N, C-alpha and C. Protein backbone atom coordinates (compact mmCIF):
# COMPACT_ATOMS: atom_id res chain seq x y z
N MET A 1 17.27 -2.10 5.62
CA MET A 1 16.29 -2.01 4.52
C MET A 1 17.04 -1.76 3.22
N PRO A 2 16.76 -2.44 2.09
CA PRO A 2 17.54 -2.24 0.84
C PRO A 2 17.22 -0.91 0.29
N ARG A 3 18.12 -0.38 -0.39
CA ARG A 3 17.96 1.01 -1.03
C ARG A 3 17.14 0.81 -2.22
N LEU A 4 16.40 1.79 -2.70
CA LEU A 4 15.71 1.73 -3.84
C LEU A 4 16.59 1.77 -5.01
N GLY A 5 16.19 1.07 -6.09
CA GLY A 5 17.02 1.09 -7.31
C GLY A 5 16.87 2.49 -8.09
N LYS A 6 17.77 2.84 -8.88
CA LYS A 6 17.81 4.10 -9.62
C LYS A 6 16.54 4.33 -10.38
N ALA A 7 16.08 3.40 -10.99
CA ALA A 7 14.68 3.53 -11.75
C ALA A 7 13.61 3.82 -10.86
N THR A 8 13.54 3.18 -9.64
CA THR A 8 12.56 3.38 -8.57
C THR A 8 12.66 4.80 -8.13
N GLU A 9 13.97 5.25 -7.70
CA GLU A 9 14.18 6.66 -7.21
C GLU A 9 13.62 7.65 -8.20
N GLN A 10 13.97 7.39 -9.49
CA GLN A 10 13.57 8.31 -10.63
C GLN A 10 12.00 8.42 -10.63
N SER A 11 11.36 7.23 -10.55
CA SER A 11 9.87 7.23 -10.57
C SER A 11 9.29 7.98 -9.50
N ALA A 12 9.83 7.82 -8.29
CA ALA A 12 9.39 8.34 -7.08
C ALA A 12 9.62 9.92 -7.16
N SER A 13 10.76 10.32 -7.75
CA SER A 13 11.04 11.75 -7.90
C SER A 13 10.03 12.42 -8.90
N ASP A 14 9.87 11.70 -9.96
CA ASP A 14 8.88 12.23 -10.96
C ASP A 14 7.41 12.33 -10.44
N ALA A 15 7.06 11.37 -9.55
CA ALA A 15 5.77 11.23 -8.98
C ALA A 15 5.62 12.34 -8.03
N PHE A 16 6.64 12.69 -7.21
CA PHE A 16 6.56 13.76 -6.26
C PHE A 16 6.43 15.17 -6.94
N ASP A 17 7.19 15.30 -8.11
CA ASP A 17 7.01 16.50 -8.80
C ASP A 17 5.59 16.65 -9.31
N ALA A 18 4.99 15.51 -9.83
CA ALA A 18 3.66 15.67 -10.17
C ALA A 18 2.71 15.86 -9.07
N LEU A 19 2.97 15.39 -7.94
CA LEU A 19 2.07 15.55 -6.77
C LEU A 19 2.10 16.89 -6.18
N GLY A 20 3.06 17.64 -6.70
CA GLY A 20 3.21 19.11 -6.11
C GLY A 20 2.00 20.02 -6.37
N ASP A 21 1.18 19.58 -7.23
CA ASP A 21 -0.07 20.44 -7.57
C ASP A 21 -1.35 19.90 -6.95
N GLY A 22 -2.11 20.76 -6.40
CA GLY A 22 -3.30 20.27 -5.82
C GLY A 22 -4.36 19.65 -6.72
N GLN A 23 -4.49 20.18 -7.91
CA GLN A 23 -5.34 19.72 -8.96
C GLN A 23 -4.94 18.25 -9.34
N ARG A 24 -3.75 18.01 -9.43
CA ARG A 24 -3.24 16.60 -9.78
C ARG A 24 -3.58 15.67 -8.64
N ARG A 25 -3.34 16.05 -7.39
CA ARG A 25 -3.80 15.29 -6.21
C ARG A 25 -5.20 15.03 -6.23
N ALA A 26 -5.96 15.95 -6.57
CA ALA A 26 -7.48 15.84 -6.59
C ALA A 26 -7.82 14.83 -7.69
N ILE A 27 -7.15 14.81 -8.81
CA ILE A 27 -7.46 13.89 -9.80
C ILE A 27 -7.01 12.46 -9.32
N LEU A 28 -5.96 12.32 -8.61
CA LEU A 28 -5.62 11.01 -8.14
C LEU A 28 -6.66 10.52 -7.15
N ALA A 29 -7.12 11.44 -6.30
CA ALA A 29 -8.25 11.05 -5.38
C ALA A 29 -9.55 10.67 -6.10
N ILE A 30 -9.80 11.24 -7.16
CA ILE A 30 -11.02 10.82 -8.02
C ILE A 30 -10.78 9.44 -8.57
N LEU A 31 -9.52 9.34 -9.18
CA LEU A 31 -9.25 8.00 -9.80
C LEU A 31 -9.07 6.73 -8.76
N GLY A 32 -8.97 7.23 -7.43
CA GLY A 32 -8.90 6.20 -6.37
C GLY A 32 -10.21 5.42 -6.27
N ASP A 33 -11.27 6.06 -6.81
CA ASP A 33 -12.61 5.45 -6.78
C ASP A 33 -12.84 4.43 -8.05
N GLY A 34 -11.87 4.57 -8.95
CA GLY A 34 -11.92 3.72 -10.10
C GLY A 34 -11.65 4.36 -11.40
N PRO A 35 -11.45 3.83 -12.52
CA PRO A 35 -11.11 4.54 -13.81
C PRO A 35 -12.24 5.48 -14.18
N ARG A 36 -11.82 6.54 -14.81
CA ARG A 36 -12.78 7.63 -15.26
C ARG A 36 -12.34 8.21 -16.64
N ALA A 37 -13.30 8.66 -17.31
CA ALA A 37 -12.94 9.36 -18.57
C ALA A 37 -12.73 10.85 -18.24
N VAL A 38 -11.94 11.52 -19.12
CA VAL A 38 -11.51 12.89 -18.87
C VAL A 38 -12.65 13.83 -18.46
N GLY A 39 -13.85 13.65 -19.28
CA GLY A 39 -14.91 14.44 -18.99
C GLY A 39 -15.51 14.29 -17.69
N ASP A 40 -15.58 13.08 -17.16
CA ASP A 40 -16.09 12.71 -15.86
C ASP A 40 -15.17 13.37 -14.76
N ILE A 41 -13.89 13.33 -14.99
CA ILE A 41 -12.93 13.90 -13.98
C ILE A 41 -13.11 15.49 -14.07
N ALA A 42 -13.20 16.08 -15.21
CA ALA A 42 -13.31 17.47 -15.41
C ALA A 42 -14.65 18.04 -14.69
N ALA A 43 -15.66 17.19 -14.77
CA ALA A 43 -16.97 17.59 -14.09
C ALA A 43 -16.87 17.75 -12.57
N GLN A 44 -15.79 17.14 -12.12
CA GLN A 44 -15.75 17.19 -10.57
C GLN A 44 -14.72 18.20 -10.09
N LEU A 45 -14.10 18.97 -11.04
CA LEU A 45 -13.04 19.83 -10.63
C LEU A 45 -13.43 21.24 -11.16
N PRO A 46 -12.78 22.38 -10.45
CA PRO A 46 -13.05 23.65 -10.85
C PRO A 46 -12.11 24.22 -11.92
N VAL A 47 -11.65 23.38 -12.84
CA VAL A 47 -10.86 23.66 -13.89
C VAL A 47 -11.42 23.16 -15.19
N SER A 48 -10.88 23.66 -16.29
CA SER A 48 -11.39 23.34 -17.65
C SER A 48 -10.97 21.92 -17.98
N ARG A 49 -11.65 21.28 -19.02
CA ARG A 49 -11.33 19.92 -19.50
C ARG A 49 -10.04 19.95 -20.10
N PRO A 50 -9.59 21.03 -20.83
CA PRO A 50 -8.20 20.96 -21.39
C PRO A 50 -7.17 21.07 -20.26
N ALA A 51 -7.40 21.72 -19.12
CA ALA A 51 -6.58 21.79 -18.05
C ALA A 51 -6.49 20.35 -17.43
N VAL A 52 -7.65 19.61 -17.31
CA VAL A 52 -7.52 18.30 -16.73
C VAL A 52 -6.74 17.39 -17.54
N SER A 53 -7.00 17.56 -18.96
CA SER A 53 -6.13 16.74 -19.87
C SER A 53 -4.70 16.99 -19.72
N TRP A 54 -4.25 18.20 -19.54
CA TRP A 54 -2.88 18.58 -19.31
C TRP A 54 -2.33 17.92 -18.04
N HIS A 55 -3.22 18.09 -17.01
CA HIS A 55 -2.73 17.53 -15.58
C HIS A 55 -2.54 15.91 -15.78
N LEU A 56 -3.53 15.29 -16.53
CA LEU A 56 -3.57 13.87 -16.73
C LEU A 56 -2.27 13.40 -17.54
N ARG A 57 -1.91 14.28 -18.46
CA ARG A 57 -0.60 13.94 -19.24
C ARG A 57 0.53 13.90 -18.30
N LEU A 58 0.67 14.92 -17.39
CA LEU A 58 1.75 15.01 -16.51
C LEU A 58 1.73 13.83 -15.50
N LEU A 59 0.56 13.44 -15.03
CA LEU A 59 0.44 12.26 -14.19
C LEU A 59 0.92 10.90 -14.88
N LYS A 60 0.49 10.89 -16.21
CA LYS A 60 0.84 9.77 -16.92
C LYS A 60 2.34 9.73 -17.18
N ASP A 61 2.92 10.79 -17.48
CA ASP A 61 4.39 10.91 -17.71
C ASP A 61 5.12 10.53 -16.46
N ALA A 62 4.58 10.87 -15.26
CA ALA A 62 5.17 10.55 -13.98
C ALA A 62 4.99 9.07 -13.51
N GLY A 63 4.21 8.26 -14.32
CA GLY A 63 3.98 6.96 -14.06
C GLY A 63 2.88 6.67 -13.05
N LEU A 64 2.00 7.70 -12.75
CA LEU A 64 1.01 7.50 -11.71
C LEU A 64 -0.31 7.13 -12.30
N VAL A 65 -0.66 7.34 -13.63
CA VAL A 65 -1.90 6.85 -14.15
C VAL A 65 -1.60 6.20 -15.54
N ASP A 66 -2.49 5.34 -15.89
CA ASP A 66 -2.54 4.65 -17.12
C ASP A 66 -3.67 5.28 -18.02
N GLU A 67 -3.58 5.26 -19.31
CA GLU A 67 -4.64 5.74 -20.30
C GLU A 67 -4.98 4.61 -21.21
N GLN A 68 -6.28 4.50 -21.37
CA GLN A 68 -6.79 3.45 -22.40
C GLN A 68 -7.80 4.08 -23.26
N ARG A 69 -7.65 3.89 -24.59
CA ARG A 69 -8.58 4.45 -25.38
C ARG A 69 -9.73 3.49 -25.76
N VAL A 70 -10.93 4.05 -25.57
CA VAL A 70 -12.11 3.31 -25.69
C VAL A 70 -13.01 4.13 -26.66
N GLY A 71 -12.97 3.72 -27.96
CA GLY A 71 -13.59 4.47 -28.96
C GLY A 71 -12.92 5.91 -29.03
N THR A 72 -13.73 6.87 -28.90
CA THR A 72 -13.16 8.26 -28.89
C THR A 72 -12.80 8.72 -27.54
N ARG A 73 -13.19 7.93 -26.48
CA ARG A 73 -12.89 8.44 -25.16
C ARG A 73 -11.56 7.91 -24.63
N ARG A 74 -10.99 8.60 -23.68
CA ARG A 74 -9.70 8.17 -23.05
C ARG A 74 -10.13 7.89 -21.51
N ILE A 75 -9.85 6.70 -21.13
CA ILE A 75 -10.18 6.37 -19.85
C ILE A 75 -8.85 6.26 -19.03
N TYR A 76 -8.83 6.89 -17.78
CA TYR A 76 -7.58 7.03 -17.00
C TYR A 76 -7.86 6.23 -15.71
N ALA A 77 -6.80 5.49 -15.22
CA ALA A 77 -6.90 4.76 -13.96
C ALA A 77 -5.56 4.95 -13.29
N LEU A 78 -5.60 4.77 -11.93
CA LEU A 78 -4.26 4.73 -11.21
C LEU A 78 -3.42 3.64 -11.67
N ARG A 79 -2.21 3.91 -11.74
CA ARG A 79 -1.15 2.91 -12.27
C ARG A 79 -0.51 2.38 -10.90
N ARG A 80 -0.77 1.14 -10.57
CA ARG A 80 -0.38 0.49 -9.39
C ARG A 80 1.16 0.60 -9.13
N GLU A 81 1.97 0.46 -10.17
CA GLU A 81 3.36 0.50 -10.05
C GLU A 81 3.80 1.85 -9.65
N GLY A 82 3.19 2.86 -10.13
CA GLY A 82 3.68 4.24 -9.89
C GLY A 82 3.27 4.58 -8.39
N VAL A 83 2.04 4.24 -8.03
CA VAL A 83 1.73 4.46 -6.55
C VAL A 83 2.54 3.68 -5.66
N GLU A 84 2.85 2.41 -6.03
CA GLU A 84 3.68 1.57 -5.19
C GLU A 84 5.10 2.15 -4.95
N ALA A 85 5.62 2.81 -6.03
CA ALA A 85 6.99 3.38 -6.01
C ALA A 85 7.00 4.52 -5.01
N VAL A 86 5.95 5.36 -5.02
CA VAL A 86 5.84 6.40 -4.05
C VAL A 86 5.80 5.87 -2.60
N ALA A 87 4.88 4.88 -2.47
CA ALA A 87 4.68 4.27 -1.03
C ALA A 87 6.05 3.63 -0.63
N GLN A 88 6.79 2.98 -1.52
CA GLN A 88 8.00 2.36 -1.11
C GLN A 88 9.04 3.46 -0.77
N TYR A 89 9.07 4.41 -1.48
CA TYR A 89 9.99 5.58 -1.17
C TYR A 89 9.73 6.22 0.15
N LEU A 90 8.47 6.48 0.45
CA LEU A 90 8.10 7.00 1.73
C LEU A 90 8.35 6.09 2.92
N ALA A 91 8.08 4.73 2.64
CA ALA A 91 8.31 3.84 3.76
C ALA A 91 9.77 3.75 4.08
N GLU A 92 10.67 3.79 3.03
CA GLU A 92 12.06 3.82 3.37
C GLU A 92 12.57 5.05 3.99
N ILE A 93 12.19 6.13 3.56
CA ILE A 93 12.65 7.40 4.11
C ILE A 93 12.17 7.47 5.56
N TRP A 94 10.82 7.45 5.70
CA TRP A 94 10.23 7.59 7.17
C TRP A 94 10.69 6.40 7.97
N GLY A 95 10.84 5.23 7.45
CA GLY A 95 11.35 4.04 8.28
C GLY A 95 12.68 4.27 8.80
N ASP A 96 13.51 4.80 8.00
CA ASP A 96 14.92 5.13 8.42
C ASP A 96 14.91 6.21 9.39
N ALA A 97 14.19 7.24 9.23
CA ALA A 97 14.05 8.28 10.10
C ALA A 97 13.48 7.88 11.51
N ALA A 98 12.47 7.09 11.46
CA ALA A 98 11.86 6.70 12.71
C ALA A 98 12.91 5.74 13.47
N ALA A 99 13.64 4.86 12.76
CA ALA A 99 14.57 4.10 13.45
C ALA A 99 15.69 4.91 14.02
N ARG A 100 16.21 5.92 13.34
CA ARG A 100 17.28 6.75 13.90
C ARG A 100 16.63 7.54 15.14
N PHE A 101 15.41 7.97 15.15
CA PHE A 101 14.84 8.75 16.21
C PHE A 101 14.76 7.81 17.48
N ARG A 102 14.25 6.61 17.25
CA ARG A 102 14.11 5.63 18.28
C ARG A 102 15.48 5.34 18.99
N LEU A 103 16.65 5.22 18.16
CA LEU A 103 17.91 4.96 18.66
C LEU A 103 18.32 6.13 19.57
N VAL A 104 18.18 7.39 19.08
CA VAL A 104 18.56 8.59 19.79
C VAL A 104 17.74 8.59 21.13
N ALA A 105 16.43 8.37 21.06
CA ALA A 105 15.57 8.49 22.22
C ALA A 105 15.94 7.27 23.24
N GLU A 106 16.31 6.14 22.85
CA GLU A 106 16.70 5.14 23.69
C GLU A 106 18.05 5.40 24.29
N ASN A 107 18.90 6.14 23.77
CA ASN A 107 20.25 6.30 24.11
C ASN A 107 20.54 7.66 24.73
N THR A 108 19.51 8.45 24.93
CA THR A 108 19.66 9.75 25.58
C THR A 108 19.25 9.64 27.05
N VAL A 109 20.07 10.11 27.88
CA VAL A 109 19.81 10.21 29.40
C VAL A 109 19.20 11.53 29.57
N PRO A 110 18.07 11.56 30.25
CA PRO A 110 17.37 12.85 30.65
C PRO A 110 18.24 13.70 31.36
N ARG A 111 18.24 15.04 31.04
CA ARG A 111 19.02 16.01 31.80
C ARG A 111 18.28 16.34 33.04
N ASP A 112 19.07 16.63 34.15
CA ASP A 112 18.47 17.03 35.49
C ASP A 112 18.74 18.56 35.43
N ASP A 113 17.72 19.35 35.10
CA ASP A 113 17.85 20.81 35.03
C ASP A 113 17.89 21.55 36.26
N ASP A 114 17.74 20.75 37.44
CA ASP A 114 17.70 21.29 38.80
C ASP A 114 19.07 21.56 39.34
N GLN A 115 20.08 21.13 38.68
CA GLN A 115 21.49 21.21 39.30
C GLN A 115 22.05 22.58 39.08
């Protein structure tokens, strides 16, 4: 499997840093149902609207969400490229680990502990 490019690795790293917080993961889950205004997101979380705005800024900086201004409102949506970078990174890491595990398992002779 080809290695991730430096830009993709950085995007995945930034995304994982952003995903380290439960509130940000909750925001992404909410946005998984479709684009939302900050107020709509804040209404579904146990944190203040300014806190939601702060979390959204971090998610935007990490490349996981996009922001669109509609009048005085800001509408946030999942950013496909950011989510795909995380998925690609996980597929590569776990795919390599699974392949190595399979090789070890297939090339290991069971021990006979009765000797």
